[in-house]
Every structure is written in C-alpha cells, then in structure tokens.
C-alpha cells in the first residue's frame, strides 16, 4: 500500500508543497545573487571584485548555517550593538476617543 494516496486533488496541488522553499541560484540563496544584477549593468573590474567578494561572504555564512535574511539581521545587530534603546516617548501610541 502506498504511503501517499494519489487522488486527483493531490495530483493537481502537488506543487504547493515547495512554495516556502528558498529560491536557489547556483546553490546560493537567490537574494545573495543580487550583486550579479549590478554587475550586468556596470561591468568593471572593481564591480566584479565586489560581486565575487559579497557572494563569497554569503556563501561562507550559509556554510556556517546562517540564511541570507538571518545574516543581514546579524550584520545589523553587529553594527548597532546588542543593547538597544527603548521606545522614545513620542513614538508611543496614544489613546484616541473616536466617539
């Protein structure tokens, strides 16, 4: 007996199983390949170097277990620091009476 019952509805909707998987471009997250778009427009030796350097950084981070969004968040927290300021008083939401 098959583990998956091949009904007509499952045959129609089988592609929905992979919709949350990240898009890959040459075994990298596709968002990490954005510098290649810049390279297509502005092909110079310095842009070639920057493109490969950025791609190498994201490849290294992915090998260590960080995804592209997680590595961007880690970089942001490294720059800003781990001690974040609280909300400023003017940023709090005020109570409004619409009545």
C-alpha atoms as a PDB file:
ATOM      1  CA  UNK A   1       0.000   0.000   0.000  1.00  0.00           C
ATOM      2  CA  UNK A   2       1.397   3.372  -0.977  1.00  0.00           C
ATOM      3  CA  UNK A   3       2.162   5.885   1.769  1.00  0.00           C
ATOM      4  CA  UNK A   4       0.695   8.700  -0.318  1.00  0.00           C
ATOM      5  CA  UNK A   5      -2.776   8.259  -1.696  1.00  0.00           C
ATOM      6  CA  UNK A   6      -2.614   9.611  -5.252  1.00  0.00           C
ATOM      7  CA  UNK A   7      -6.023  11.180  -5.510  1.00  0.00           C
ATOM      8  CA  UNK A   8      -6.898  13.629  -8.228  1.00  0.00           C
ATOM      9  CA  UNK A   9      -6.778  16.581  -5.803  1.00  0.00           C
ATOM     10  CA  UNK A  10      -3.236  15.703  -4.697  1.00  0.00           C
ATOM     11  CA  UNK A  11      -2.057  15.421  -8.279  1.00  0.00           C
ATOM     12  CA  UNK A  12      -3.400  18.892  -9.015  1.00  0.00           C
ATOM     13  CA  UNK A  13      -1.953  20.545  -5.888  1.00  0.00           C
ATOM     14  CA  UNK A  14       1.412  18.798  -5.531  1.00  0.00           C
ATOM     15  CA  UNK A  15       3.359  21.962  -6.466  1.00  0.00           C
ATOM     16  CA  UNK A  16       2.164  23.795  -3.343  1.00  0.00           C
ATOM     17  CA  UNK A  17       4.439  21.663  -1.180  1.00  0.00           C
ATOM     18  CA  UNK A  18       7.547  23.518  -2.353  1.00  0.00           C
ATOM     19  CA  UNK A  19       6.271  27.084  -2.234  1.00  0.00           C
ATOM     20  CA  UNK A  20       8.061  28.001   1.022  1.00  0.00           C
ATOM     21  CA  UNK A  21      11.453  26.689  -0.038  1.00  0.00           C
ATOM     22  CA  UNK A  22      14.001  29.434  -0.710  1.00  0.00           C
ATOM     23  CA  UNK A  23      14.845  30.151  -4.324  1.00  0.00           C
ATOM     24  CA  UNK A  24      18.347  28.955  -5.166  1.00  0.00           C
ATOM     25  CA  UNK A  25      20.776  30.377  -7.731  1.00  0.00           C
ATOM     26  CA  UNK A  26      23.897  28.261  -8.269  1.00  0.00           C
ATOM     27  CA  UNK A  27      23.456  26.705  -4.819  1.00  0.00           C
ATOM     28  CA  UNK A  28      23.110  30.120  -3.140  1.00  0.00           C
ATOM     29  CA  UNK A  29      20.071  31.951  -1.908  1.00  0.00           C
ATOM     30  CA  UNK A  30      18.835  33.990  -4.860  1.00  0.00           C
ATOM     31  CA  UNK A  31      18.811  37.184  -2.792  1.00  0.00           C
ATOM     32  CA  UNK A  32      22.559  36.768  -2.243  1.00  0.00           C
ATOM     33  CA  UNK A  33      22.995  36.858  -6.023  1.00  0.00           C
ATOM     34  CA  UNK A  34      21.658  40.427  -6.349  1.00  0.00           C
ATOM     35  CA  UNK A  35      25.159  41.865  -6.913  1.00  0.00           C
ATOM     36  CA  UNK A  36      25.240  39.942 -10.202  1.00  0.00           C
ATOM     37  CA  UNK A  37      22.408  42.171 -11.472  1.00  0.00           C
ATOM     38  CA  UNK A  38      24.555  45.181 -10.648  1.00  0.00           C
ATOM     39  CA  UNK A  39      27.466  43.503 -12.421  1.00  0.00           C
ATOM     40  CA  UNK A  40      25.419  43.110 -15.604  1.00  0.00           C
ATOM     41  CA  UNK A  41      24.735  46.839 -15.693  1.00  0.00           C
ATOM     42  CA  UNK A  42      28.118  48.137 -14.549  1.00  0.00           C
ATOM     43  CA  UNK A  43      30.778  45.662 -15.655  1.00  0.00           C
ATOM     44  CA  UNK A  44      34.084  46.962 -14.333  1.00  0.00           C
ATOM     45  CA  UNK A  45      36.931  45.166 -12.551  1.00  0.00           C
ATOM     46  CA  UNK A  46      36.009  46.746  -9.216  1.00  0.00           C
ATOM     47  CA  UNK A  47      32.353  45.720  -9.535  1.00  0.00           C
ATOM     48  CA  UNK A  48      33.472  42.210 -10.491  1.00  0.00           C
ATOM     49  CA  UNK A  49      35.621  42.075  -7.361  1.00  0.00           C
ATOM     50  CA  UNK A  50      32.841  43.434  -5.130  1.00  0.00           C
ATOM     51  CA  UNK A  51      30.322  40.980  -6.599  1.00  0.00           C
ATOM     52  CA  UNK A  52      32.502  37.959  -6.002  1.00  0.00           C
ATOM     53  CA  UNK A  53      33.500  39.201  -2.550  1.00  0.00           C
ATOM     54  CA  UNK A  54      29.875  39.661  -1.467  1.00  0.00           C
ATOM     55  CA  UNK A  55      28.914  36.297  -2.941  1.00  0.00           C
ATOM     56  CA  UNK A  56      31.838  34.643  -1.146  1.00  0.00           C
ATOM     57  CA  UNK A  57      30.775  36.212   2.163  1.00  0.00           C
ATOM     58  CA  UNK A  58      27.208  34.953   1.831  1.00  0.00           C
ATOM     59  CA  UNK A  59      28.440  31.517   0.735  1.00  0.00           C
ATOM     60  CA  UNK A  60      30.644  31.351   3.829  1.00  0.00           C
ATOM     61  CA  UNK A  61      27.810  32.453   6.114  1.00  0.00           C
ATOM     62  CA  UNK A  62      25.476  29.904   4.552  1.00  0.00           C
ATOM     63  CA  UNK A  63      28.043  27.178   5.171  1.00  0.00           C
ATOM     64  CA  UNK A  64      28.035  28.196   8.836  1.00  0.00           C
ATOM     65  CA  UNK A  65      24.239  27.850   8.982  1.00  0.00           C
ATOM     66  CA  UNK A  66      23.018  31.421   8.511  1.00  0.00           C
ATOM     67  CA  UNK A  67      20.470  32.108   5.821  1.00  0.00           C
ATOM     68  CA  UNK A  68      20.550  35.351   3.845  1.00  0.00           C
ATOM     69  CA  UNK A  69      17.925  37.178   5.984  1.00  0.00           C
ATOM     70  CA  UNK A  70      19.491  35.888   9.209  1.00  0.00           C
ATOM     71  CA  UNK A  71      22.934  37.071   8.126  1.00  0.00           C
ATOM     72  CA  UNK A  72      21.558  40.535   7.298  1.00  0.00           C
ATOM     73  CA  UNK A  73      19.945  40.706  10.756  1.00  0.00           C
ATOM     74  CA  UNK A  74      23.181  39.534  12.411  1.00  0.00           C
ATOM     75  CA  UNK A  75      25.142  42.190  10.498  1.00  0.00           C
ATOM     76  CA  UNK A  76      22.650  44.861  11.549  1.00  0.00           C
ATOM     77  CA  UNK A  77      22.848  43.837  15.205  1.00  0.00           C
ATOM     78  CA  UNK A  78      26.654  43.761  14.975  1.00  0.00           C
ATOM     79  CA  UNK A  79      26.702  47.351  13.684  1.00  0.00           C
ATOM     80  CA  UNK A  80      24.040  48.724  16.025  1.00  0.00           C
ATOM     81  CA  UNK A  81      25.028  46.665  19.041  1.00  0.00           C
ATOM     82  CA  UNK A  82      23.095  44.322  21.260  1.00  0.00           C
ATOM     83  CA  UNK A  83      21.905  46.990  23.721  1.00  0.00           C
ATOM     84  CA  UNK A  84      19.011  48.672  22.000  1.00  0.00           C
ATOM     85  CA  UNK A  85      17.403  51.827  23.292  1.00  0.00           C
ATOM     86  CA  UNK A  86      13.814  51.728  24.412  1.00  0.00           C
ATOM     87  CA  UNK A  87      10.983  53.458  22.613  1.00  0.00           C
ATOM     88  CA  UNK A  88      11.119  57.224  22.667  1.00  0.00           C
ATOM     89  CA  UNK A  89       8.202  58.930  24.357  1.00  0.00           C
ATOM     90  CA  UNK A  90       6.857  60.442  21.132  1.00  0.00           C
ATOM     91  CA  UNK A  91       6.788  57.020  19.441  1.00  0.00           C
ATOM     92  CA  UNK A  92       4.268  55.530  21.883  1.00  0.00           C
ATOM     93  CA  UNK A  93       0.733  55.158  20.583  1.00  0.00           C
ATOM     94  CA  UNK A  94      -1.721  57.481  22.211  1.00  0.00           C
ATOM     95  CA  UNK A  95      -5.236  56.536  23.158  1.00  0.00           C
ATOM     96  CA  UNK A  96      -7.809  58.074  20.816  1.00  0.00           C
ATOM     97  CA  UNK A  97     -11.503  58.529  21.503  1.00  0.00           C
ATOM     98  CA  UNK A  98     -13.462  58.443  18.246  1.00  0.00           C
ATOM     99  CA  UNK A  99     -16.817  58.777  19.957  1.00  0.00           C
END
